[in-house]
């Protein structure tokens, strides 16, 4: 169903108000903050080949190019702030509507906005670890080419192509998805597995599924409501009823 009426928005708000709502955010959640998405015409993967840069092989065999790419991504976050959509989700969490927030994003904006119950499926750019022993390091060390005590090189703690998703966020996301009343997708193309399994998991277990994304997704067919609208506008309209 693709319906933009106030009645439908109020109905979705009613579902959210019941509580036990799970939010699933993708790159489209952060575009209003000035961060490009990945798969649109102007997205990051149209400018760079991810299979050449964002892989385990690239880290091990072409570290300088890998390092420079991720340094630039981190620099691009310096002046980026959470947008209105991030802040609305914080309000909903404080009001007890949101059970958990699952995100594919690595920008850390949900955390910076003030959300607490977050499962960061793909890690976070500004968290630096040793690529050999996984010891944590500060951001400055990554920019100064300081190596770990084990002599390993440093990298952002993000999931690269060829790596498994971190166990604890994955477990938390699955638990939330299986037991929620309402599941809202915000700005995800839902093409990356296994993250894209959670909306369908929630629907299978009886949750209402709402998908708000600029473009169509493969799961639109099973959603209760599909909205092709700016996320900030969508959440702002709903917030009137909450």
C-alpha atoms as a PDB file:
ATOM      1  CA  UNK A   1       0.000   0.000   0.000  1.00  0.00           C
ATOM      2  CA  UNK A   2       1.405   3.391  -0.971  1.00  0.00           C
ATOM      3  CA  UNK A   3      -0.706   6.012   0.790  1.00  0.00           C
ATOM      4  CA  UNK A   4       0.276   9.513   1.875  1.00  0.00           C
ATOM      5  CA  UNK A   5      -2.960  10.595   3.552  1.00  0.00           C
ATOM      6  CA  UNK A   6      -3.011  12.025   7.054  1.00  0.00           C
ATOM      7  CA  UNK A   7      -5.323   9.181   8.039  1.00  0.00           C
ATOM      8  CA  UNK A   8      -2.678   6.620   7.118  1.00  0.00           C
ATOM      9  CA  UNK A   9       0.057   8.591   8.868  1.00  0.00           C
ATOM     10  CA  UNK A  10      -2.122   8.755  11.983  1.00  0.00           C
ATOM     11  CA  UNK A  11      -2.735   5.018  11.748  1.00  0.00           C
ATOM     12  CA  UNK A  12       1.014   4.281  11.613  1.00  0.00           C
ATOM     13  CA  UNK A  13       1.533   6.638  14.552  1.00  0.00           C
ATOM     14  CA  UNK A  14      -1.030   4.599  16.453  1.00  0.00           C
ATOM     15  CA  UNK A  15       0.962   1.445  15.821  1.00  0.00           C
ATOM     16  CA  UNK A  16       4.129   3.179  17.038  1.00  0.00           C
ATOM     17  CA  UNK A  17       2.363   4.512  20.129  1.00  0.00           C
ATOM     18  CA  UNK A  18       1.582   0.951  21.195  1.00  0.00           C
ATOM     19  CA  UNK A  19       5.297   0.584  21.844  1.00  0.00           C
ATOM     20  CA  UNK A  20       7.596  -2.325  21.043  1.00  0.00           C
ATOM     21  CA  UNK A  21       8.569  -0.646  17.758  1.00  0.00           C
ATOM     22  CA  UNK A  22      11.819  -1.486  15.972  1.00  0.00           C
ATOM     23  CA  UNK A  23      13.506   0.960  13.599  1.00  0.00           C
ATOM     24  CA  UNK A  24      15.766  -0.279  10.810  1.00  0.00           C
ATOM     25  CA  UNK A  25      17.868   2.475   9.212  1.00  0.00           C
ATOM     26  CA  UNK A  26      20.008   2.493   6.102  1.00  0.00           C
ATOM     27  CA  UNK A  27      22.101   5.047   4.219  1.00  0.00           C
ATOM     28  CA  UNK A  28      19.034   7.102   3.255  1.00  0.00           C
ATOM     29  CA  UNK A  29      18.626   7.998   6.924  1.00  0.00           C
ATOM     30  CA  UNK A  30      21.811  10.062   6.811  1.00  0.00           C
ATOM     31  CA  UNK A  31      21.515  11.805   3.433  1.00  0.00           C
ATOM     32  CA  UNK A  32      19.761  14.780   5.075  1.00  0.00           C
ATOM     33  CA  UNK A  33      22.910  15.190   7.170  1.00  0.00           C
ATOM     34  CA  UNK A  34      24.985  15.492   4.005  1.00  0.00           C
ATOM     35  CA  UNK A  35      26.322  11.938   3.850  1.00  0.00           C
ATOM     36  CA  UNK A  36      25.946  10.336   0.394  1.00  0.00           C
ATOM     37  CA  UNK A  37      24.191   6.997   0.159  1.00  0.00           C
ATOM     38  CA  UNK A  38      25.698   4.000  -1.621  1.00  0.00           C
ATOM     39  CA  UNK A  39      23.558   2.826  -4.503  1.00  0.00           C
ATOM     40  CA  UNK A  40      21.776   5.862  -5.965  1.00  0.00           C
ATOM     41  CA  UNK A  41      23.072   7.691  -9.035  1.00  0.00           C
ATOM     42  CA  UNK A  42      25.236   9.897  -6.823  1.00  0.00           C
ATOM     43  CA  UNK A  43      26.024   7.198  -4.290  1.00  0.00           C
ATOM     44  CA  UNK A  44      29.425   6.216  -2.964  1.00  0.00           C
ATOM     45  CA  UNK A  45      29.664   2.959  -4.904  1.00  0.00           C
ATOM     46  CA  UNK A  46      29.126   4.803  -8.196  1.00  0.00           C
ATOM     47  CA  UNK A  47      32.300   6.758  -7.439  1.00  0.00           C
ATOM     48  CA  UNK A  48      34.392   3.904  -6.024  1.00  0.00           C
ATOM     49  CA  UNK A  49      34.463   0.178  -6.629  1.00  0.00           C
ATOM     50  CA  UNK A  50      33.780  -1.387  -3.218  1.00  0.00           C
ATOM     51  CA  UNK A  51      35.381  -4.645  -4.292  1.00  0.00           C
ATOM     52  CA  UNK A  52      38.651  -2.796  -4.786  1.00  0.00           C
ATOM     53  CA  UNK A  53      38.669  -0.745  -1.565  1.00  0.00           C
ATOM     54  CA  UNK A  54      36.255  -1.965   1.106  1.00  0.00           C
ATOM     55  CA  UNK A  55      37.428  -5.562   1.326  1.00  0.00           C
ATOM     56  CA  UNK A  56      39.596  -7.705   3.564  1.00  0.00           C
ATOM     57  CA  UNK A  57      41.919  -8.232   0.599  1.00  0.00           C
ATOM     58  CA  UNK A  58      42.287  -4.474   0.077  1.00  0.00           C
ATOM     59  CA  UNK A  59      43.162  -4.025   3.751  1.00  0.00           C
ATOM     60  CA  UNK A  60      45.794  -6.754   3.644  1.00  0.00           C
ATOM     61  CA  UNK A  61      47.267  -6.196   0.195  1.00  0.00           C
ATOM     62  CA  UNK A  62      46.720  -2.508  -0.541  1.00  0.00           C
ATOM     63  CA  UNK A  63      46.754  -0.926   2.896  1.00  0.00           C
ATOM     64  CA  UNK A  64      47.770   2.605   1.851  1.00  0.00           C
ATOM     65  CA  UNK A  65      44.870   2.988  -0.573  1.00  0.00           C
ATOM     66  CA  UNK A  66      42.514   1.376   1.949  1.00  0.00           C
ATOM     67  CA  UNK A  67      43.773   3.674   4.722  1.00  0.00           C
ATOM     68  CA  UNK A  68      43.498   6.837   2.590  1.00  0.00           C
ATOM     69  CA  UNK A  69      39.938   5.951   1.525  1.00  0.00           C
ATOM     70  CA  UNK A  70      38.784   5.461   5.107  1.00  0.00           C
ATOM     71  CA  UNK A  71      40.639   8.498   6.395  1.00  0.00           C
ATOM     72  CA  UNK A  72      38.701  10.569   3.873  1.00  0.00           C
ATOM     73  CA  UNK A  73      35.404   9.000   4.939  1.00  0.00           C
ATOM     74  CA  UNK A  74      36.189   9.828   8.569  1.00  0.00           C
ATOM     75  CA  UNK A  75      37.186  13.398   7.696  1.00  0.00           C
ATOM     76  CA  UNK A  76      33.857  13.814   5.913  1.00  0.00           C
ATOM     77  CA  UNK A  77      32.100  13.146   9.231  1.00  0.00           C
ATOM     78  CA  UNK A  78      33.853  15.965  11.112  1.00  0.00           C
ATOM     79  CA  UNK A  79      31.166  18.598  10.513  1.00  0.00           C
ATOM     80  CA  UNK A  80      28.236  16.232  10.042  1.00  0.00           C
ATOM     81  CA  UNK A  81      25.443  16.454  12.605  1.00  0.00           C
ATOM     82  CA  UNK A  82      22.344  14.345  13.273  1.00  0.00           C
ATOM     83  CA  UNK A  83      19.342  15.526  11.290  1.00  0.00           C
ATOM     84  CA  UNK A  84      15.729  16.061  12.313  1.00  0.00           C
ATOM     85  CA  UNK A  85      14.903  12.404  11.669  1.00  0.00           C
ATOM     86  CA  UNK A  86      17.599  11.187  14.057  1.00  0.00           C
ATOM     87  CA  UNK A  87      16.309  13.549  16.740  1.00  0.00           C
ATOM     88  CA  UNK A  88      12.690  12.435  16.338  1.00  0.00           C
ATOM     89  CA  UNK A  89      13.756   8.831  16.891  1.00  0.00           C
ATOM     90  CA  UNK A  90      15.486   9.895  20.113  1.00  0.00           C
ATOM     91  CA  UNK A  91      12.197  11.484  21.274  1.00  0.00           C
ATOM     92  CA  UNK A  92      10.327   8.271  20.507  1.00  0.00           C
ATOM     93  CA  UNK A  93      12.842   6.224  22.462  1.00  0.00           C
ATOM     94  CA  UNK A  94      12.512   8.557  25.455  1.00  0.00           C
ATOM     95  CA  UNK A  95       8.727   8.187  25.277  1.00  0.00           C
ATOM     96  CA  UNK A  96       9.046   4.412  25.367  1.00  0.00           C
ATOM     97  CA  UNK A  97       7.812   3.769  21.822  1.00  0.00           C
ATOM     98  CA  UNK A  98      11.021   2.299  20.412  1.00  0.00           C
ATOM     99  CA  UNK A  99      12.323  -1.034  21.647  1.00  0.00           C
ATOM    100  CA  UNK A 100      15.471  -0.981  19.542  1.00  0.00           C
ATOM    101  CA  UNK A 101      17.157   0.634  16.579  1.00  0.00           C
ATOM    102  CA  UNK A 102      18.932  -1.554  14.019  1.00  0.00           C
ATOM    103  CA  UNK A 103      21.235   0.328  11.679  1.00  0.00           C
ATOM    104  CA  UNK A 104      23.376  -0.513   8.677  1.00  0.00           C
ATOM    105  CA  UNK A 105      25.039   2.902   8.968  1.00  0.00           C
ATOM    106  CA  UNK A 106      28.598   3.352  10.202  1.00  0.00           C
ATOM    107  CA  UNK A 107      28.442   7.126  10.734  1.00  0.00           C
ATOM    108  CA  UNK A 108      27.456   6.925  14.415  1.00  0.00           C
ATOM    109  CA  UNK A 109      24.791   9.624  14.015  1.00  0.00           C
ATOM    110  CA  UNK A 110      22.101   7.736  15.927  1.00  0.00           C
ATOM    111  CA  UNK A 111      24.421   7.544  18.924  1.00  0.00           C
ATOM    112  CA  UNK A 112      25.453  11.202  18.555  1.00  0.00           C
ATOM    113  CA  UNK A 113      21.781  12.209  18.452  1.00  0.00           C
ATOM    114  CA  UNK A 114      21.161  10.441  21.762  1.00  0.00           C
ATOM    115  CA  UNK A 115      19.667   7.049  20.898  1.00  0.00           C
ATOM    116  CA  UNK A 116      20.745   4.273  23.261  1.00  0.00           C
ATOM    117  CA  UNK A 117      19.347   0.906  22.202  1.00  0.00           C
ATOM    118  CA  UNK A 118      21.279   0.538  18.946  1.00  0.00           C
ATOM    119  CA  UNK A 119      22.459  -2.549  17.091  1.00  0.00           C
ATOM    120  CA  UNK A 120      25.183  -1.304  14.731  1.00  0.00           C
ATOM    121  CA  UNK A 121      25.289  -4.182  12.262  1.00  0.00           C
ATOM    122  CA  UNK A 122      28.187  -2.848  10.219  1.00  0.00           C
ATOM    123  CA  UNK A 123      30.244  -1.222  12.986  1.00  0.00           C
ATOM    124  CA  UNK A 124      31.340   2.412  13.247  1.00  0.00           C
ATOM    125  CA  UNK A 125      33.869   4.417  11.245  1.00  0.00           C
ATOM    126  CA  UNK A 126      35.248   6.447  14.129  1.00  0.00           C
ATOM    127  CA  UNK A 127      35.994   3.376  16.246  1.00  0.00           C
ATOM    128  CA  UNK A 128      39.552   2.247  15.464  1.00  0.00           C
ATOM    129  CA  UNK A 129      40.918  -1.235  16.059  1.00  0.00           C
ATOM    130  CA  UNK A 130      43.991  -3.275  15.215  1.00  0.00           C
ATOM    131  CA  UNK A 131      43.361  -5.447  12.172  1.00  0.00           C
ATOM    132  CA  UNK A 132      45.361  -8.273  13.714  1.00  0.00           C
ATOM    133  CA  UNK A 133      44.513  -8.499  17.436  1.00  0.00           C
ATOM    134  CA  UNK A 134      41.367  -6.251  17.492  1.00  0.00           C
ATOM    135  CA  UNK A 135      42.743  -4.033  20.276  1.00  0.00           C
ATOM    136  CA  UNK A 136      41.022  -0.638  20.393  1.00  0.00           C
ATOM    137  CA  UNK A 137      42.938   2.548  19.536  1.00  0.00           C
ATOM    138  CA  UNK A 138      42.127   6.231  19.387  1.00  0.00           C
ATOM    139  CA  UNK A 139      41.271   7.994  16.156  1.00  0.00           C
ATOM    140  CA  UNK A 140      44.497  10.040  16.150  1.00  0.00           C
ATOM    141  CA  UNK A 141      46.602   6.873  15.960  1.00  0.00           C
ATOM    142  CA  UNK A 142      44.929   5.902  12.687  1.00  0.00           C
ATOM    143  CA  UNK A 143      45.820   9.275  11.158  1.00  0.00           C
ATOM    144  CA  UNK A 144      49.372   9.215  12.493  1.00  0.00           C
ATOM    145  CA  UNK A 145      50.173   5.746  11.131  1.00  0.00           C
ATOM    146  CA  UNK A 146      50.832   4.396  14.612  1.00  0.00           C
ATOM    147  CA  UNK A 147      50.834   0.612  14.708  1.00  0.00           C
ATOM    148  CA  UNK A 148      49.520  -1.636  17.458  1.00  0.00           C
ATOM    149  CA  UNK A 149      51.753  -3.157  20.137  1.00  0.00           C
ATOM    150  CA  UNK A 150      51.436  -6.399  18.183  1.00  0.00           C
ATOM    151  CA  UNK A 151      52.720  -4.455  15.127  1.00  0.00           C
ATOM    152  CA  UNK A 152      49.404  -4.800  13.332  1.00  0.00           C
ATOM    153  CA  UNK A 153      48.056  -1.930  11.232  1.00  0.00           C
ATOM    154  CA  UNK A 154      44.960  -0.014  12.295  1.00  0.00           C
ATOM    155  CA  UNK A 155      41.568   0.175  10.624  1.00  0.00           C
ATOM    156  CA  UNK A 156      38.050   1.424  11.298  1.00  0.00           C
ATOM    157  CA  UNK A 157      35.901  -1.106  13.118  1.00  0.00           C
ATOM    158  CA  UNK A 158      33.513  -1.575  10.204  1.00  0.00           C
ATOM    159  CA  UNK A 159      32.430  -4.735   8.420  1.00  0.00           C
ATOM    160  CA  UNK A 160      34.353  -5.148   5.181  1.00  0.00           C
ATOM    161  CA  UNK A 161      33.212  -7.218   2.223  1.00  0.00           C
ATOM    162  CA  UNK A 162      34.251 -10.749   3.042  1.00  0.00           C
ATOM    163  CA  UNK A 163      33.708 -10.406   6.801  1.00  0.00           C
ATOM    164  CA  UNK A 164      30.911 -11.656   9.041  1.00  0.00           C
ATOM    165  CA  UNK A 165      28.623  -9.246  10.875  1.00  0.00           C
ATOM    166  CA  UNK A 166      29.483  -8.825  14.583  1.00  0.00           C
ATOM    167  CA  UNK A 167      27.794 -11.470  16.698  1.00  0.00           C
ATOM    168  CA  UNK A 168      26.199  -9.367  19.461  1.00  0.00           C
ATOM    169  CA  UNK A 169      24.495  -6.702  17.269  1.00  0.00           C
ATOM    170  CA  UNK A 170      23.266  -9.515  15.014  1.00  0.00           C
ATOM    171  CA  UNK A 171      21.814 -11.422  17.977  1.00  0.00           C
ATOM    172  CA  UNK A 172      20.166  -8.284  19.347  1.00  0.00           C
ATOM    173  CA  UNK A 173      18.660  -7.363  15.979  1.00  0.00           C
ATOM    174  CA  UNK A 174      17.210 -10.848  15.573  1.00  0.00           C
ATOM    175  CA  UNK A 175      15.665 -10.804  19.052  1.00  0.00           C
ATOM    176  CA  UNK A 176      14.057  -7.392  18.480  1.00  0.00           C
ATOM    177  CA  UNK A 177      12.764  -8.396  15.048  1.00  0.00           C
ATOM    178  CA  UNK A 178      11.138 -11.593  16.305  1.00  0.00           C
ATOM    179  CA  UNK A 179       9.287  -9.899  19.157  1.00  0.00           C
ATOM    180  CA  UNK A 180       8.261  -6.425  17.955  1.00  0.00           C
ATOM    181  CA  UNK A 181       4.784  -5.076  17.197  1.00  0.00           C
ATOM    182  CA  UNK A 182       5.851  -2.630  14.496  1.00  0.00           C
ATOM    183  CA  UNK A 183       8.932  -2.618  12.254  1.00  0.00           C
ATOM    184  CA  UNK A 184       9.821   0.552  10.320  1.00  0.00           C
ATOM    185  CA  UNK A 185      12.453   0.613   7.587  1.00  0.00           C
ATOM    186  CA  UNK A 186      13.986   4.049   6.969  1.00  0.00           C
ATOM    187  CA  UNK A 187      16.191   4.621   3.950  1.00  0.00           C
ATOM    188  CA  UNK A 188      17.440   1.139   3.127  1.00  0.00           C
ATOM    189  CA  UNK A 189      17.414  -0.526  -0.285  1.00  0.00           C
ATOM    190  CA  UNK A 190      17.193  -3.870   1.557  1.00  0.00           C
ATOM    191  CA  UNK A 191      19.618  -5.615  -0.794  1.00  0.00           C
ATOM    192  CA  UNK A 192      22.414  -6.391   1.688  1.00  0.00           C
ATOM    193  CA  UNK A 193      22.164  -9.780   3.390  1.00  0.00           C
ATOM    194  CA  UNK A 194      21.781 -10.848   6.147  1.00  0.00           C
ATOM    195  CA  UNK A 195      20.623  -7.412   7.343  1.00  0.00           C
ATOM    196  CA  UNK A 196      17.698  -7.424   4.909  1.00  0.00           C
ATOM    197  CA  UNK A 197      16.290 -10.552   6.556  1.00  0.00           C
ATOM    198  CA  UNK A 198      15.092  -8.670   9.636  1.00  0.00           C
ATOM    199  CA  UNK A 199      12.089  -6.852   8.104  1.00  0.00           C
ATOM    200  CA  UNK A 200      10.761 -10.121   6.702  1.00  0.00           C
ATOM    201  CA  UNK A 201      11.455 -11.856  10.018  1.00  0.00           C
ATOM    202  CA  UNK A 202       9.406  -9.222  11.844  1.00  0.00           C
ATOM    203  CA  UNK A 203       6.534  -9.515   9.368  1.00  0.00           C
ATOM    204  CA  UNK A 204       6.548 -13.311   9.618  1.00  0.00           C
ATOM    205  CA  UNK A 205       6.206 -13.024  13.400  1.00  0.00           C
ATOM    206  CA  UNK A 206       3.155 -10.768  13.164  1.00  0.00           C
ATOM    207  CA  UNK A 207       4.577  -7.236  13.152  1.00  0.00           C
ATOM    208  CA  UNK A 208       3.272  -4.376  11.054  1.00  0.00           C
ATOM    209  CA  UNK A 209       5.904  -3.552   8.396  1.00  0.00           C
ATOM    210  CA  UNK A 210       6.355  -0.009   7.097  1.00  0.00           C
ATOM    211  CA  UNK A 211       8.994   0.797   4.476  1.00  0.00           C
ATOM    212  CA  UNK A 212      10.015   4.402   3.817  1.00  0.00           C
ATOM    213  CA  UNK A 213      12.601   4.578   1.062  1.00  0.00           C
ATOM    214  CA  UNK A 214      13.249   6.806  -1.935  1.00  0.00           C
ATOM    215  CA  UNK A 215      13.172   3.850  -4.336  1.00  0.00           C
ATOM    216  CA  UNK A 216      11.323   0.546  -4.464  1.00  0.00           C
ATOM    217  CA  UNK A 217      12.638  -2.428  -2.491  1.00  0.00           C
ATOM    218  CA  UNK A 218      12.199  -6.173  -2.925  1.00  0.00           C
ATOM    219  CA  UNK A 219      10.156  -6.285   0.284  1.00  0.00           C
ATOM    220  CA  UNK A 220       7.565  -3.676  -0.732  1.00  0.00           C
ATOM    221  CA  UNK A 221       5.298  -6.565  -1.728  1.00  0.00           C
ATOM    222  CA  UNK A 222       4.914  -7.759   1.880  1.00  0.00           C
ATOM    223  CA  UNK A 223       4.820  -4.348   3.607  1.00  0.00           C
ATOM    224  CA  UNK A 224       1.654  -3.021   5.220  1.00  0.00           C
ATOM    225  CA  UNK A 225       2.595   0.490   4.107  1.00  0.00           C
ATOM    226  CA  UNK A 226       5.159   1.688   1.558  1.00  0.00           C
ATOM    227  CA  UNK A 227       6.161   5.353   1.535  1.00  0.00           C
ATOM    228  CA  UNK A 228       8.359   6.988  -1.117  1.00  0.00           C
ATOM    229  CA  UNK A 229       8.875  10.223   0.774  1.00  0.00           C
ATOM    230  CA  UNK A 230      11.675  12.159   2.444  1.00  0.00           C
ATOM    231  CA  UNK A 231      12.376  10.471   5.785  1.00  0.00           C
ATOM    232  CA  UNK A 232      12.405  13.723   7.756  1.00  0.00           C
ATOM    233  CA  UNK A 233       9.010  14.659   6.320  1.00  0.00           C
ATOM    234  CA  UNK A 234       7.586  11.214   6.980  1.00  0.00           C
ATOM    235  CA  UNK A 235       8.750  11.134  10.603  1.00  0.00           C
ATOM    236  CA  UNK A 236       7.784  14.772  11.126  1.00  0.00           C
ATOM    237  CA  UNK A 237       4.228  14.179   9.893  1.00  0.00           C
ATOM    238  CA  UNK A 238       3.917  11.160  12.141  1.00  0.00           C
ATOM    239  CA  UNK A 239       5.357  13.019  15.110  1.00  0.00           C
ATOM    240  CA  UNK A 240       2.358  15.355  15.094  1.00  0.00           C
ATOM    241  CA  UNK A 241       0.241  12.428  16.280  1.00  0.00           C
ATOM    242  CA  UNK A 242       2.731  11.285  18.903  1.00  0.00           C
END
